[in-house]
Amino acid sequence: MTKEEKLFIEIGQQLEDTVQSQMFGKSCFKIKSKAFVCFFQNEMVFKLNGEIHKEALSLDGSQLFDPSGKNRPMKEWVQVSNDYKDNWLKYANEAMKYVNESIK
């Protein structure tokens, strides 16, 4: 397990009411059965919207999440480079808040 994957797990476990699970065969965390973060290609991926989505996507190396690799990115999901792992907790909190609010 890489240090980035360990960090992903630590972040997910410290967020309230989350459950570790799988999404597209990748490790993820869910709130109320809905995924809000996952781990892919040694980077963390977040379901975001609005200004925080734009901010995350503007980071060097960040991109829309394309788990199939067939140029079909998921528009709300941003894969953030591990160069910005210091921001992962912030984005995880924002993703959890966004998904939690969208399922009320």
C-alpha atoms as a PDB file:
ATOM      1  CA  MET A   1       0.000   0.000   0.000  1.00  0.00           C
ATOM      2  CA  THR A   2       1.398   3.395  -0.993  1.00  0.00           C
ATOM      3  CA  LYS A   3       1.589   6.335   1.390  1.00  0.00           C
ATOM      4  CA  GLU A   4      -1.024   8.072  -0.786  1.00  0.00           C
ATOM      5  CA  GLU A   5      -3.427   5.142  -0.404  1.00  0.00           C
ATOM      6  CA  LYS A   6      -2.838   5.149   3.359  1.00  0.00           C
ATOM      7  CA  LEU A   7      -3.639   8.879   3.398  1.00  0.00           C
ATOM      8  CA  PHE A   8      -6.817   8.261   1.381  1.00  0.00           C
ATOM      9  CA  ILE A   9      -7.962   5.680   3.953  1.00  0.00           C
ATOM     10  CA  GLU A  10      -7.043   7.929   6.894  1.00  0.00           C
ATOM     11  CA  ILE A  11      -9.031  10.805   5.396  1.00  0.00           C
ATOM     12  CA  GLY A  12     -12.067   8.652   4.691  1.00  0.00           C
ATOM     13  CA  GLN A  13     -12.056   7.078   8.142  1.00  0.00           C
ATOM     14  CA  GLN A  14     -11.883  10.400   9.952  1.00  0.00           C
ATOM     15  CA  LEU A  15     -15.001  11.762   8.229  1.00  0.00           C
ATOM     16  CA  GLU A  16     -18.241  11.145  10.131  1.00  0.00           C
ATOM     17  CA  ASP A  17     -20.824   8.602   8.988  1.00  0.00           C
ATOM     18  CA  THR A  18     -18.745   7.255   6.090  1.00  0.00           C
ATOM     19  CA  VAL A  19     -18.381   3.660   4.959  1.00  0.00           C
ATOM     20  CA  GLN A  20     -15.449   2.270   2.993  1.00  0.00           C
ATOM     21  CA  SER A  21     -16.659   0.480  -0.122  1.00  0.00           C
ATOM     22  CA  GLN A  22     -15.959  -0.077  -3.848  1.00  0.00           C
ATOM     23  CA  MET A  23     -16.852   1.930  -6.960  1.00  0.00           C
ATOM     24  CA  PHE A  24     -15.828   0.619 -10.413  1.00  0.00           C
ATOM     25  CA  GLY A  25     -13.606  -1.837  -8.557  1.00  0.00           C
ATOM     26  CA  LYS A  26     -11.767   1.025  -6.851  1.00  0.00           C
ATOM     27  CA  SER A  27     -11.658   1.801  -3.155  1.00  0.00           C
ATOM     28  CA  CYS A  28     -14.076   4.564  -2.193  1.00  0.00           C
ATOM     29  CA  PHE A  29     -15.910   6.080   0.738  1.00  0.00           C
ATOM     30  CA  LYS A  30     -19.659   6.573   0.806  1.00  0.00           C
ATOM     31  CA  ILE A  31     -22.134   8.542   2.824  1.00  0.00           C
ATOM     32  CA  LYS A  32     -25.720   7.256   2.893  1.00  0.00           C
ATOM     33  CA  SER A  33     -24.755   4.652   0.248  1.00  0.00           C
ATOM     34  CA  LYS A  34     -23.509   7.323  -2.199  1.00  0.00           C
ATOM     35  CA  ALA A  35     -19.837   7.562  -3.149  1.00  0.00           C
ATOM     36  CA  PHE A  36     -18.166  10.938  -2.712  1.00  0.00           C
ATOM     37  CA  VAL A  37     -14.432  10.073  -2.949  1.00  0.00           C
ATOM     38  CA  CYS A  38     -12.409   7.256  -4.465  1.00  0.00           C
ATOM     39  CA  PHE A  39      -8.794   6.280  -5.057  1.00  0.00           C
ATOM     40  CA  PHE A  40      -7.535   5.820  -8.632  1.00  0.00           C
ATOM     41  CA  GLN A  41      -4.031   5.735 -10.164  1.00  0.00           C
ATOM     42  CA  ASN A  42      -2.485   6.637  -6.801  1.00  0.00           C
ATOM     43  CA  GLU A  43      -4.571   9.835  -6.682  1.00  0.00           C
ATOM     44  CA  MET A  44      -7.730  10.856  -4.888  1.00  0.00           C
ATOM     45  CA  VAL A  45     -10.940  11.600  -6.804  1.00  0.00           C
ATOM     46  CA  PHE A  46     -13.729  13.842  -5.488  1.00  0.00           C
ATOM     47  CA  LYS A  47     -17.355  14.472  -6.477  1.00  0.00           C
ATOM     48  CA  LEU A  48     -17.578  18.265  -6.503  1.00  0.00           C
ATOM     49  CA  ASN A  49     -19.568  21.121  -7.983  1.00  0.00           C
ATOM     50  CA  GLY A  50     -19.420  24.904  -8.304  1.00  0.00           C
ATOM     51  CA  GLU A  51     -16.353  26.945  -7.437  1.00  0.00           C
ATOM     52  CA  ILE A  52     -14.617  24.173  -5.483  1.00  0.00           C
ATOM     53  CA  HIS A  53     -14.909  21.944  -8.586  1.00  0.00           C
ATOM     54  CA  LYS A  54     -13.274  24.657 -10.705  1.00  0.00           C
ATOM     55  CA  GLU A  55     -10.545  25.155  -8.094  1.00  0.00           C
ATOM     56  CA  ALA A  56      -9.697  21.440  -7.902  1.00  0.00           C
ATOM     57  CA  LEU A  57      -9.727  21.070 -11.676  1.00  0.00           C
ATOM     58  CA  SER A  58      -7.395  24.073 -12.076  1.00  0.00           C
ATOM     59  CA  LEU A  59      -4.568  22.370 -10.151  1.00  0.00           C
ATOM     60  CA  ASP A  60      -1.676  21.127 -12.289  1.00  0.00           C
ATOM     61  CA  GLY A  61      -2.171  17.471 -13.135  1.00  0.00           C
ATOM     62  CA  SER A  62      -5.836  17.422 -12.094  1.00  0.00           C
ATOM     63  CA  GLN A  63      -8.399  16.124 -14.570  1.00  0.00           C
ATOM     64  CA  LEU A  64     -11.957  14.936 -14.881  1.00  0.00           C
ATOM     65  CA  PHE A  65     -12.214  11.323 -13.693  1.00  0.00           C
ATOM     66  CA  ASP A  66     -12.291   8.866 -16.608  1.00  0.00           C
ATOM     67  CA  PRO A  67     -12.222   5.394 -15.011  1.00  0.00           C
ATOM     68  CA  SER A  68     -12.817   3.610 -18.337  1.00  0.00           C
ATOM     69  CA  GLY A  69      -9.936   5.381 -20.085  1.00  0.00           C
ATOM     70  CA  LYS A  70     -12.187   5.724 -23.141  1.00  0.00           C
ATOM     71  CA  ASN A  71     -12.518   9.523 -23.107  1.00  0.00           C
ATOM     72  CA  ARG A  72     -15.816   9.427 -21.205  1.00  0.00           C
ATOM     73  CA  PRO A  73     -15.039  11.550 -18.137  1.00  0.00           C
ATOM     74  CA  MET A  74     -17.482  11.924 -15.290  1.00  0.00           C
ATOM     75  CA  LYS A  75     -18.220  15.647 -15.224  1.00  0.00           C
ATOM     76  CA  GLU A  76     -18.632  16.122 -11.465  1.00  0.00           C
ATOM     77  CA  TRP A  77     -15.660  13.971 -10.479  1.00  0.00           C
ATOM     78  CA  VAL A  78     -12.179  15.530 -10.290  1.00  0.00           C
ATOM     79  CA  GLN A  79      -9.029  13.425 -10.007  1.00  0.00           C
ATOM     80  CA  VAL A  80      -6.522  15.498  -8.017  1.00  0.00           C
ATOM     81  CA  SER A  81      -2.816  14.835  -8.420  1.00  0.00           C
ATOM     82  CA  ASN A  82      -0.978  13.525  -5.386  1.00  0.00           C
ATOM     83  CA  ASP A  83       1.213  16.645  -5.719  1.00  0.00           C
ATOM     84  CA  TYR A  84      -1.733  18.326  -3.953  1.00  0.00           C
ATOM     85  CA  LYS A  85      -2.372  15.727  -1.267  1.00  0.00           C
ATOM     86  CA  ASP A  86      -2.249  18.521   1.322  1.00  0.00           C
ATOM     87  CA  ASN A  87      -5.594  19.631  -0.172  1.00  0.00           C
ATOM     88  CA  TRP A  88      -7.207  16.179  -0.204  1.00  0.00           C
ATOM     89  CA  LEU A  89      -8.900  16.531   3.207  1.00  0.00           C
ATOM     90  CA  LYS A  90     -10.430  19.873   2.208  1.00  0.00           C
ATOM     91  CA  TYR A  91     -11.801  18.429  -1.034  1.00  0.00           C
ATOM     92  CA  ALA A  92     -13.041  15.292   0.732  1.00  0.00           C
ATOM     93  CA  ASN A  93     -15.006  17.445   3.174  1.00  0.00           C
ATOM     94  CA  GLU A  94     -16.478  19.465   0.313  1.00  0.00           C
ATOM     95  CA  ALA A  95     -17.358  16.309  -1.635  1.00  0.00           C
ATOM     96  CA  MET A  96     -19.014  14.735   1.396  1.00  0.00           C
ATOM     97  CA  LYS A  97     -21.010  17.908   2.028  1.00  0.00           C
ATOM     98  CA  TYR A  98     -22.096  18.109  -1.631  1.00  0.00           C
ATOM     99  CA  VAL A  99     -23.226  14.481  -1.833  1.00  0.00           C
ATOM    100  CA  ASN A 100     -24.893  14.580   1.591  1.00  0.00           C
ATOM    101  CA  GLU A 101     -26.880  17.703   0.645  1.00  0.00           C
ATOM    102  CA  SER A 102     -27.880  16.253  -2.724  1.00  0.00           C
ATOM    103  CA  ILE A 103     -29.558  13.194  -1.169  1.00  0.00           C
ATOM    104  CA  LYS A 104     -31.669  14.901   1.489  1.00  0.00           C
END
